[in-house]
Amino acid sequence: RDSGTEWTVVRSSFFAQNFSEDFLVDGVRTGVVAFAA
């Protein structure tokens, strides 16, 4: 916001794709998703 340009913020919740393209994918493949939530 302070940059002096036009700006837009996309403020996101937790990605669904963390289950398929990130750290949770191996758990899905092996059948046990282990996470601290």
PDB file of all heavy atoms in Angstrom:
ATOM      1  N   ARG A   1       0.823  -1.213   0.000  1.00  0.00           N
ATOM      2  CA  ARG A   1       0.000   0.000   0.000  1.00  0.00           C
ATOM      3  C   ARG A   1       0.857   1.264   0.000  1.00  0.00           C
ATOM      4  O   ARG A   1       0.492   2.277  -0.594  1.00  0.00           O
ATOM      5  CB  ARG A   1      -0.914   0.012   1.226  1.00  0.00           C
ATOM      6  CG  ARG A   1      -2.055  -0.979   1.202  1.00  0.00           C
ATOM      7  CD  ARG A   1      -2.992  -0.665   2.353  1.00  0.00           C
ATOM      8  NE  ARG A   1      -4.131  -1.559   2.408  1.00  0.00           N
ATOM      9  CZ  ARG A   1      -4.222  -2.604   3.220  1.00  0.00           C
ATOM     10  NH1 ARG A   1      -3.228  -2.894   4.038  1.00  0.00           N
ATOM     11  NH2 ARG A   1      -5.298  -3.370   3.227  1.00  0.00           N
ATOM     12  N   ASP A   2       1.996   1.201   0.690  1.00  0.00           N
ATOM     13  CA  ASP A   2       2.862   2.370   0.822  1.00  0.00           C
ATOM     14  C   ASP A   2       3.756   2.610  -0.392  1.00  0.00           C
ATOM     15  O   ASP A   2       4.508   3.588  -0.416  1.00  0.00           O
ATOM     16  CB  ASP A   2       3.764   2.215   2.055  1.00  0.00           C
ATOM     17  CG  ASP A   2       2.988   2.244   3.368  1.00  0.00           C
ATOM     18  OD1 ASP A   2       1.841   2.717   3.370  1.00  0.00           O
ATOM     19  OD2 ASP A   2       3.546   1.768   4.384  1.00  0.00           O
ATOM     20  N   SER A   3       3.684   1.742  -1.398  1.00  0.00           N
ATOM     21  CA  SER A   3       4.632   1.796  -2.512  1.00  0.00           C
ATOM     22  C   SER A   3       4.405   2.970  -3.454  1.00  0.00           C
ATOM     23  O   SER A   3       5.306   3.367  -4.195  1.00  0.00           O
ATOM     24  CB  SER A   3       4.565   0.494  -3.320  1.00  0.00           C
ATOM     25  OG  SER A   3       3.303   0.377  -3.974  1.00  0.00           O
ATOM     26  N   GLY A   4       3.185   3.510  -3.472  1.00  0.00           N
ATOM     27  CA  GLY A   4       2.873   4.582  -4.406  1.00  0.00           C
ATOM     28  C   GLY A   4       2.286   4.105  -5.712  1.00  0.00           C
ATOM     29  O   GLY A   4       1.919   4.914  -6.576  1.00  0.00           O
ATOM     30  N   THR A   5       2.172   2.791  -5.900  1.00  0.00           N
ATOM     31  CA  THR A   5       1.540   2.238  -7.095  1.00  0.00           C
ATOM     32  C   THR A   5       0.068   1.928  -6.799  1.00  0.00           C
ATOM     33  O   THR A   5      -0.366   1.937  -5.645  1.00  0.00           O
ATOM     34  CB  THR A   5       2.220   0.916  -7.514  1.00  0.00           C
ATOM     35  OG1 THR A   5       1.936  -0.089  -6.520  1.00  0.00           O
ATOM     36  CG2 THR A   5       3.728   1.095  -7.647  1.00  0.00           C
ATOM     37  N   GLU A   6      -0.692   1.635  -7.856  1.00  0.00           N
ATOM     38  CA  GLU A   6      -1.983   1.003  -7.644  1.00  0.00           C
ATOM     39  C   GLU A   6      -1.724  -0.370  -7.025  1.00  0.00           C
ATOM     40  O   GLU A   6      -0.732  -1.016  -7.342  1.00  0.00           O
ATOM     41  CB  GLU A   6      -2.733   0.830  -8.963  1.00  0.00           C
ATOM     42  CG  GLU A   6      -3.228   2.107  -9.582  1.00  0.00           C
ATOM     43  CD  GLU A   6      -4.086   1.845 -10.816  1.00  0.00           C
ATOM     44  OE1 GLU A   6      -4.250   0.669 -11.188  1.00  0.00           O
ATOM     45  OE2 GLU A   6      -4.575   2.813 -11.407  1.00  0.00           O
ATOM     46  N   TRP A   7      -2.619  -0.825  -6.155  1.00  0.00           N
ATOM     47  CA  TRP A   7      -2.392  -2.104  -5.504  1.00  0.00           C
ATOM     48  C   TRP A   7      -3.709  -2.852  -5.319  1.00  0.00           C
ATOM     49  O   TRP A   7      -4.779  -2.264  -5.224  1.00  0.00           O
ATOM     50  CB  TRP A   7      -1.714  -1.918  -4.140  1.00  0.00           C
ATOM     51  CG  TRP A   7      -2.485  -1.048  -3.191  1.00  0.00           C
ATOM     52  CD1 TRP A   7      -2.348   0.299  -3.013  1.00  0.00           C
ATOM     53  CD2 TRP A   7      -3.563  -1.458  -2.325  1.00  0.00           C
ATOM     54  NE1 TRP A   7      -3.253   0.754  -2.082  1.00  0.00           N
ATOM     55  CE2 TRP A   7      -4.001  -0.288  -1.639  1.00  0.00           C
ATOM     56  CE3 TRP A   7      -4.178  -2.678  -2.051  1.00  0.00           C
ATOM     57  CZ2 TRP A   7      -5.035  -0.318  -0.707  1.00  0.00           C
ATOM     58  CZ3 TRP A   7      -5.218  -2.714  -1.134  1.00  0.00           C
ATOM     59  CH2 TRP A   7      -5.631  -1.549  -0.471  1.00  0.00           C
ATOM     60  N   THR A   8      -3.587  -4.170  -5.264  1.00  0.00           N
ATOM     61  CA  THR A   8      -4.692  -5.055  -4.897  1.00  0.00           C
ATOM     62  C   THR A   8      -4.108  -6.156  -4.026  1.00  0.00           C
ATOM     63  O   THR A   8      -3.016  -6.653  -4.293  1.00  0.00           O
ATOM     64  CB  THR A   8      -5.350  -5.690  -6.136  1.00  0.00           C
ATOM     65  OG1 THR A   8      -5.749  -4.663  -7.045  1.00  0.00           O
ATOM     66  CG2 THR A   8      -6.557  -6.519  -5.750  1.00  0.00           C
ATOM     67  N   VAL A   9      -4.819  -6.534  -2.986  1.00  0.00           N
ATOM     68  CA  VAL A   9      -4.405  -7.622  -2.110  1.00  0.00           C
ATOM     69  C   VAL A   9      -5.360  -8.796  -2.292  1.00  0.00           C
ATOM     70  O   VAL A   9      -6.584  -8.623  -2.253  1.00  0.00           O
ATOM     71  CB  VAL A   9      -4.394  -7.179  -0.634  1.00  0.00           C
ATOM     72  CG1 VAL A   9      -4.216  -8.381   0.297  1.00  0.00           C
ATOM     73  CG2 VAL A   9      -3.288  -6.155  -0.400  1.00  0.00           C
ATOM     74  N   VAL A  10      -4.797  -9.979  -2.513  1.00  0.00           N
ATOM     75  CA  VAL A  10      -5.574 -11.225  -2.551  1.00  0.00           C
ATOM     76  C   VAL A  10      -5.209 -11.988  -1.277  1.00  0.00           C
ATOM     77  O   VAL A  10      -4.137 -12.587  -1.193  1.00  0.00           O
ATOM     78  CB  VAL A  10      -5.269 -12.051  -3.812  1.00  0.00           C
ATOM     79  CG1 VAL A  10      -6.163 -13.290  -3.851  1.00  0.00           C
ATOM     80  CG2 VAL A  10      -5.461 -11.216  -5.068  1.00  0.00           C
ATOM     81  N   ARG A  11      -6.088 -11.918  -0.294  1.00  0.00           N
ATOM     82  CA  ARG A  11      -5.821 -12.485   1.042  1.00  0.00           C
ATOM     83  C   ARG A  11      -6.467 -13.870   1.123  1.00  0.00           C
ATOM     84  O   ARG A  11      -7.693 -13.992   1.155  1.00  0.00           O
ATOM     85  CB  ARG A  11      -6.375 -11.547   2.106  1.00  0.00           C
ATOM     86  CG  ARG A  11      -6.030 -11.927   3.533  1.00  0.00           C
ATOM     87  CD  ARG A  11      -6.725 -10.992   4.503  1.00  0.00           C
ATOM     88  NE  ARG A  11      -6.191  -9.635   4.445  1.00  0.00           N
ATOM     89  CZ  ARG A  11      -6.839  -8.567   4.914  1.00  0.00           C
ATOM     90  NH1 ARG A  11      -8.056  -8.695   5.417  1.00  0.00           N
ATOM     91  NH2 ARG A  11      -6.282  -7.364   4.851  1.00  0.00           N
ATOM     92  N   SER A  12      -5.633 -14.883   1.171  1.00  0.00           N
ATOM     93  CA  SER A  12      -6.108 -16.241   0.928  1.00  0.00           C
ATOM     94  C   SER A  12      -6.224 -17.096   2.183  1.00  0.00           C
ATOM     95  O   SER A  12      -5.425 -16.979   3.118  1.00  0.00           O
ATOM     96  CB  SER A  12      -5.146 -16.930  -0.048  1.00  0.00           C
ATOM     97  OG  SER A  12      -5.459 -18.293  -0.194  1.00  0.00           O
ATOM     98  N   SER A  13      -7.198 -18.007   2.164  1.00  0.00           N
ATOM     99  CA  SER A  13      -7.279 -19.065   3.162  1.00  0.00           C
ATOM    100  C   SER A  13      -6.358 -20.215   2.733  1.00  0.00           C
ATOM    101  O   SER A  13      -5.595 -20.105   1.773  1.00  0.00           O
ATOM    102  CB  SER A  13      -8.729 -19.534   3.315  1.00  0.00           C
ATOM    103  OG  SER A  13      -9.254 -19.975   2.076  1.00  0.00           O
ATOM    104  N   PHE A  14      -6.416 -21.332   3.437  1.00  0.00           N
ATOM    105  CA  PHE A  14      -5.530 -22.488   3.218  1.00  0.00           C
ATOM    106  C   PHE A  14      -5.786 -23.094   1.842  1.00  0.00           C
ATOM    107  O   PHE A  14      -6.924 -23.362   1.470  1.00  0.00           O
ATOM    108  CB  PHE A  14      -5.777 -23.521   4.314  1.00  0.00           C
ATOM    109  CG  PHE A  14      -4.723 -24.581   4.460  1.00  0.00           C
ATOM    110  CD1 PHE A  14      -3.657 -24.400   5.328  1.00  0.00           C
ATOM    111  CD2 PHE A  14      -4.812 -25.759   3.738  1.00  0.00           C
ATOM    112  CE1 PHE A  14      -2.694 -25.380   5.481  1.00  0.00           C
ATOM    113  CE2 PHE A  14      -3.855 -26.746   3.881  1.00  0.00           C
ATOM    114  CZ  PHE A  14      -2.790 -26.557   4.753  1.00  0.00           C
ATOM    115  N   PHE A  15      -4.727 -23.320   1.086  1.00  0.00           N
ATOM    116  CA  PHE A  15      -4.859 -23.852  -0.279  1.00  0.00           C
ATOM    117  C   PHE A  15      -5.363 -25.289  -0.270  1.00  0.00           C
ATOM    118  O   PHE A  15      -4.785 -26.165   0.394  1.00  0.00           O
ATOM    119  CB  PHE A  15      -3.515 -23.870  -1.001  1.00  0.00           C
ATOM    120  CG  PHE A  15      -2.881 -22.537  -1.275  1.00  0.00           C
ATOM    121  CD1 PHE A  15      -1.605 -22.484  -1.836  1.00  0.00           C
ATOM    122  CD2 PHE A  15      -3.528 -21.351  -1.001  1.00  0.00           C
ATOM    123  CE1 PHE A  15      -0.998 -21.272  -2.101  1.00  0.00           C
ATOM    124  CE2 PHE A  15      -2.936 -20.133  -1.261  1.00  0.00           C
ATOM    125  CZ  PHE A  15      -1.661 -20.097  -1.813  1.00  0.00           C
ATOM    126  N   ALA A  16      -6.384 -25.595  -1.058  1.00  0.00           N
ATOM    127  CA  ALA A  16      -6.768 -26.992  -1.282  1.00  0.00           C
ATOM    128  C   ALA A  16      -5.612 -27.767  -1.896  1.00  0.00           C
ATOM    129  O   ALA A  16      -5.376 -28.938  -1.568  1.00  0.00           O
ATOM    130  CB  ALA A  16      -8.001 -27.052  -2.189  1.00  0.00           C
ATOM    131  N   GLN A  17      -4.866 -27.124  -2.778  1.00  0.00           N
ATOM    132  CA  GLN A  17      -3.789 -27.811  -3.489  1.00  0.00           C
ATOM    133  C   GLN A  17      -2.611 -28.208  -2.617  1.00  0.00           C
ATOM    134  O   GLN A  17      -1.712 -28.917  -3.089  1.00  0.00           O
ATOM    135  CB  GLN A  17      -3.307 -26.960  -4.673  1.00  0.00           C
ATOM    136  CG  GLN A  17      -4.124 -27.129  -5.945  1.00  0.00           C
ATOM    137  CD  GLN A  17      -5.469 -26.438  -5.913  1.00  0.00           C
ATOM    138  OE1 GLN A  17      -5.824 -25.766  -4.945  1.00  0.00           O
ATOM    139  NE2 GLN A  17      -6.243 -26.579  -6.976  1.00  0.00           N
ATOM    140  N   ASN A  18      -2.605 -27.800  -1.336  1.00  0.00           N
ATOM    141  CA  ASN A  18      -1.581 -28.319  -0.429  1.00  0.00           C
ATOM    142  C   ASN A  18      -1.711 -29.827  -0.259  1.00  0.00           C
ATOM    143  O   ASN A  18      -0.751 -30.501   0.105  1.00  0.00           O
ATOM    144  CB  ASN A  18      -1.664 -27.636   0.937  1.00  0.00           C
ATOM    145  CG  ASN A  18      -1.108 -26.223   0.908  1.00  0.00           C
ATOM    146  OD1 ASN A  18      -0.240 -25.899   0.104  1.00  0.00           O
ATOM    147  ND2 ASN A  18      -1.614 -25.372   1.788  1.00  0.00           N
ATOM    148  N   PHE A  19      -2.901 -30.357  -0.545  1.00  0.00           N
ATOM    149  CA  PHE A  19      -3.112 -31.801  -0.481  1.00  0.00           C
ATOM    150  C   PHE A  19      -2.581 -32.533  -1.721  1.00  0.00           C
ATOM    151  O   PHE A  19      -2.431 -33.752  -1.695  1.00  0.00           O
ATOM    152  CB  PHE A  19      -4.600 -32.122  -0.327  1.00  0.00           C
ATOM    153  CG  PHE A  19      -5.175 -31.812   1.017  1.00  0.00           C
ATOM    154  CD1 PHE A  19      -5.927 -30.661   1.215  1.00  0.00           C
ATOM    155  CD2 PHE A  19      -4.977 -32.661   2.099  1.00  0.00           C
ATOM    156  CE1 PHE A  19      -6.478 -30.359   2.455  1.00  0.00           C
ATOM    157  CE2 PHE A  19      -5.526 -32.374   3.350  1.00  0.00           C
ATOM    158  CZ  PHE A  19      -6.273 -31.210   3.531  1.00  0.00           C
ATOM    159  N   SER A  20      -2.337 -31.803  -2.794  1.00  0.00           N
ATOM    160  CA  SER A  20      -1.960 -32.478  -4.044  1.00  0.00           C
ATOM    161  C   SER A  20      -0.667 -31.963  -4.668  1.00  0.00           C
ATOM    162  O   SER A  20      -0.075 -32.639  -5.508  1.00  0.00           O
ATOM    163  CB  SER A  20      -3.087 -32.339  -5.087  1.00  0.00           C
ATOM    164  OG  SER A  20      -3.459 -30.985  -5.258  1.00  0.00           O
ATOM    165  N   GLU A  21      -0.217 -30.766  -4.246  1.00  0.00           N
ATOM    166  CA  GLU A  21       0.965 -30.185  -4.851  1.00  0.00           C
ATOM    167  C   GLU A  21       1.979 -29.720  -3.810  1.00  0.00           C
ATOM    168  O   GLU A  21       2.890 -28.965  -4.138  1.00  0.00           O
ATOM    169  CB  GLU A  21       0.570 -28.990  -5.740  1.00  0.00           C
ATOM    170  CG  GLU A  21      -0.377 -29.359  -6.870  1.00  0.00           C
ATOM    171  CD  GLU A  21      -0.811 -28.153  -7.691  1.00  0.00           C
ATOM    172  OE1 GLU A  21      -0.088 -27.149  -7.720  1.00  0.00           O
ATOM    173  OE2 GLU A  21      -1.895 -28.226  -8.304  1.00  0.00           O
ATOM    174  N   ASP A  22       1.810 -30.170  -2.575  1.00  0.00           N
ATOM    175  CA  ASP A  22       2.705 -29.687  -1.525  1.00  0.00           C
ATOM    176  C   ASP A  22       2.873 -30.764  -0.453  1.00  0.00           C
ATOM    177  O   ASP A  22       2.752 -31.953  -0.738  1.00  0.00           O
ATOM    178  CB  ASP A  22       2.186 -28.373  -0.936  1.00  0.00           C
ATOM    179  CG  ASP A  22       3.313 -27.453  -0.450  1.00  0.00           C
ATOM    180  OD1 ASP A  22       4.254 -27.965   0.162  1.00  0.00           O
ATOM    181  OD2 ASP A  22       3.235 -26.242  -0.663  1.00  0.00           O
ATOM    182  N   PHE A  23       3.075 -30.350   0.780  1.00  0.00           N
ATOM    183  CA  PHE A  23       3.577 -31.235   1.824  1.00  0.00           C
ATOM    184  C   PHE A  23       2.599 -32.308   2.279  1.00  0.00           C
ATOM    185  O   PHE A  23       2.995 -33.250   2.968  1.00  0.00           O
ATOM    186  CB  PHE A  23       4.044 -30.403   3.025  1.00  0.00           C
ATOM    187  CG  PHE A  23       2.955 -29.640   3.715  1.00  0.00           C
ATOM    188  CD1 PHE A  23       2.423 -30.112   4.906  1.00  0.00           C
ATOM    189  CD2 PHE A  23       2.464 -28.453   3.188  1.00  0.00           C
ATOM    190  CE1 PHE A  23       1.418 -29.407   5.558  1.00  0.00           C
ATOM    191  CE2 PHE A  23       1.475 -27.742   3.836  1.00  0.00           C
ATOM    192  CZ  PHE A  23       0.946 -28.219   5.020  1.00  0.00           C
ATOM    193  N   LEU A  24       1.318 -32.218   1.923  1.00  0.00           N
ATOM    194  CA  LEU A  24       0.341 -33.215   2.361  1.00  0.00           C
ATOM    195  C   LEU A  24       0.100 -34.317   1.336  1.00  0.00           C
ATOM    196  O   LEU A  24      -0.602 -35.285   1.625  1.00  0.00           O
ATOM    197  CB  LEU A  24      -0.987 -32.522   2.696  1.00  0.00           C
ATOM    198  CG  LEU A  24      -0.937 -31.515   3.857  1.00  0.00           C
ATOM    199  CD1 LEU A  24      -2.274 -30.811   4.010  1.00  0.00           C
ATOM    200  CD2 LEU A  24      -0.541 -32.203   5.165  1.00  0.00           C
ATOM    201  N   VAL A  25       0.683 -34.194   0.157  1.00  0.00           N
ATOM    202  CA  VAL A  25       0.370 -35.144  -0.917  1.00  0.00           C
ATOM    203  C   VAL A  25       0.846 -36.561  -0.596  1.00  0.00           C
ATOM    204  O   VAL A  25       0.148 -37.538  -0.905  1.00  0.00           O
ATOM    205  CB  VAL A  25       0.944 -34.659  -2.267  1.00  0.00           C
ATOM    206  CG1 VAL A  25       2.469 -34.606  -2.250  1.00  0.00           C
ATOM    207  CG2 VAL A  25       0.451 -35.541  -3.408  1.00  0.00           C
ATOM    208  N   ASP A  26       2.009 -36.708   0.007  1.00  0.00           N
ATOM    209  CA  ASP A  26       2.508 -38.054   0.297  1.00  0.00           C
ATOM    210  C   ASP A  26       1.602 -38.775   1.280  1.00  0.00           C
ATOM    211  O   ASP A  26       1.407 -39.999   1.173  1.00  0.00           O
ATOM    212  CB  ASP A  26       3.935 -37.984   0.836  1.00  0.00           C
ATOM    213  CG  ASP A  26       4.956 -37.626  -0.230  1.00  0.00           C
ATOM    214  OD1 ASP A  26       4.647 -37.823  -1.429  1.00  0.00           O
ATOM    215  OD2 ASP A  26       6.052 -37.147   0.118  1.00  0.00           O
ATOM    216  N   GLY A  27       1.046 -38.034   2.241  1.00  0.00           N
ATOM    217  CA  GLY A  27       0.135 -38.653   3.188  1.00  0.00           C
ATOM    218  C   GLY A  27      -1.119 -39.181   2.509  1.00  0.00           C
ATOM    219  O   GLY A  27      -1.611 -40.266   2.846  1.00  0.00           O
ATOM    220  N   VAL A  28      -1.635 -38.436   1.543  1.00  0.00           N
ATOM    221  CA  VAL A  28      -2.801 -38.907   0.797  1.00  0.00           C
ATOM    222  C   VAL A  28      -2.452 -40.195   0.059  1.00  0.00           C
ATOM    223  O   VAL A  28      -3.230 -41.159   0.055  1.00  0.00           O
ATOM    224  CB  VAL A  28      -3.303 -37.838  -0.185  1.00  0.00           C
ATOM    225  CG1 VAL A  28      -4.475 -38.366  -0.997  1.00  0.00           C
ATOM    226  CG2 VAL A  28      -3.723 -36.565   0.566  1.00  0.00           C
ATOM    227  N   ARG A  29      -1.281 -40.244  -0.543  1.00  0.00           N
ATOM    228  CA  ARG A  29      -0.887 -41.427  -1.301  1.00  0.00           C
ATOM    229  C   ARG A  29      -0.715 -42.656  -0.409  1.00  0.00           C
ATOM    230  O   ARG A  29      -1.102 -43.769  -0.792  1.00  0.00           O
ATOM    231  CB  ARG A  29       0.424 -41.152  -2.043  1.00  0.00           C
ATOM    232  CG  ARG A  29       0.282 -40.161  -3.189  1.00  0.00           C
ATOM    233  CD  ARG A  29       1.643 -39.735  -3.702  1.00  0.00           C
ATOM    234  NE  ARG A  29       1.547 -38.795  -4.824  1.00  0.00           N
ATOM    235  CZ  ARG A  29       2.530 -38.011  -5.224  1.00  0.00           C
ATOM    236  NH1 ARG A  29       3.711 -38.040  -4.601  1.00  0.00           N
ATOM    237  NH2 ARG A  29       2.361 -37.184  -6.244  1.00  0.00           N
ATOM    238  N   THR A  30      -0.154 -42.473   0.776  1.00  0.00           N
ATOM    239  CA  THR A  30       0.090 -43.613   1.661  1.00  0.00           C
ATOM    240  C   THR A  30      -1.125 -43.987   2.494  1.00  0.00           C
ATOM    241  O   THR A  30      -1.173 -45.075   3.078  1.00  0.00           O
ATOM    242  CB  THR A  30       1.260 -43.324   2.613  1.00  0.00           C
ATOM    243  OG1 THR A  30       0.967 -42.169   3.420  1.00  0.00           O
ATOM    244  CG2 THR A  30       2.539 -43.073   1.822  1.00  0.00           C
ATOM    245  N   GLY A  31      -2.100 -43.077   2.579  1.00  0.00           N
ATOM    246  CA  GLY A  31      -3.333 -43.392   3.285  1.00  0.00           C
ATOM    247  C   GLY A  31      -3.438 -42.828   4.679  1.00  0.00           C
ATOM    248  O   GLY A  31      -4.431 -43.078   5.376  1.00  0.00           O
ATOM    249  N   VAL A  32      -2.437 -42.028   5.116  1.00  0.00           N
ATOM    250  CA  VAL A  32      -2.502 -41.391   6.427  1.00  0.00           C
ATOM    251  C   VAL A  32      -1.967 -39.969   6.304  1.00  0.00           C
ATOM    252  O   VAL A  32      -0.763 -39.773   6.070  1.00  0.00           O
ATOM    253  CB  VAL A  32      -1.692 -42.141   7.502  1.00  0.00           C
ATOM    254  CG1 VAL A  32      -1.804 -41.414   8.843  1.00  0.00           C
ATOM    255  CG2 VAL A  32      -2.151 -43.570   7.636  1.00  0.00           C
ATOM    256  N   VAL A  33      -2.836 -38.991   6.433  1.00  0.00           N
ATOM    257  CA  VAL A  33      -2.424 -37.592   6.402  1.00  0.00           C
ATOM    258  C   VAL A  33      -2.203 -37.147   7.844  1.00  0.00           C
ATOM    259  O   VAL A  33      -3.139 -37.122   8.644  1.00  0.00           O
ATOM    260  CB  VAL A  33      -3.492 -36.706   5.734  1.00  0.00           C
ATOM    261  CG1 VAL A  33      -3.100 -35.230   5.838  1.00  0.00           C
ATOM    262  CG2 VAL A  33      -3.664 -37.111   4.267  1.00  0.00           C
ATOM    263  N   ALA A  34      -0.950 -36.818   8.170  1.00  0.00           N
ATOM    264  CA  ALA A  34      -0.590 -36.402   9.526  1.00  0.00           C
ATOM    265  C   ALA A  34      -0.295 -34.909   9.532  1.00  0.00           C
ATOM    266  O   ALA A  34       0.566 -34.436   8.787  1.00  0.00           O
ATOM    267  CB  ALA A  34       0.630 -37.187  10.012  1.00  0.00           C
ATOM    268  N   PHE A  35      -1.018 -34.177  10.371  1.00  0.00           N
ATOM    269  CA  PHE A  35      -0.844 -32.728  10.389  1.00  0.00           C
ATOM    270  C   PHE A  35      -1.286 -32.185  11.735  1.00  0.00           C
ATOM    271  O   PHE A  35      -2.095 -32.794  12.434  1.00  0.00           O
ATOM    272  CB  PHE A  35      -1.657 -32.093   9.260  1.00  0.00           C
ATOM    273  CG  PHE A  35      -1.405 -30.625   9.053  1.00  0.00           C
ATOM    274  CD1 PHE A  35      -0.123 -30.111   8.986  1.00  0.00           C
ATOM    275  CD2 PHE A  35      -2.469 -29.748   8.928  1.00  0.00           C
ATOM    276  CE1 PHE A  35       0.104 -28.766   8.802  1.00  0.00           C
ATOM    277  CE2 PHE A  35      -2.255 -28.391   8.740  1.00  0.00           C
ATOM    278  CZ  PHE A  35      -0.960 -27.898   8.680  1.00  0.00           C
ATOM    279  N   ALA A  36      -0.750 -31.002  12.072  1.00  0.00           N
ATOM    280  CA  ALA A  36      -1.097 -30.352  13.332  1.00  0.00           C
ATOM    281  C   ALA A  36      -2.121 -29.252  13.069  1.00  0.00           C
ATOM    282  O   ALA A  36      -1.762 -28.124  12.734  1.00  0.00           O
ATOM    283  CB  ALA A  36       0.152 -29.761  13.981  1.00  0.00           C
ATOM    284  N   ALA A  37      -3.380 -29.600  13.152  1.00  0.00           N
ATOM    285  CA  ALA A  37      -4.459 -28.618  12.966  1.00  0.00           C
ATOM    286  C   ALA A  37      -5.569 -28.935  13.947  1.00  0.00           C
ATOM    287  O   ALA A  37      -5.955 -30.099  14.098  1.00  0.00           O
ATOM    288  CB  ALA A  37      -4.985 -28.649  11.538  1.00  0.00           C
TER     289      ALA A  37
END
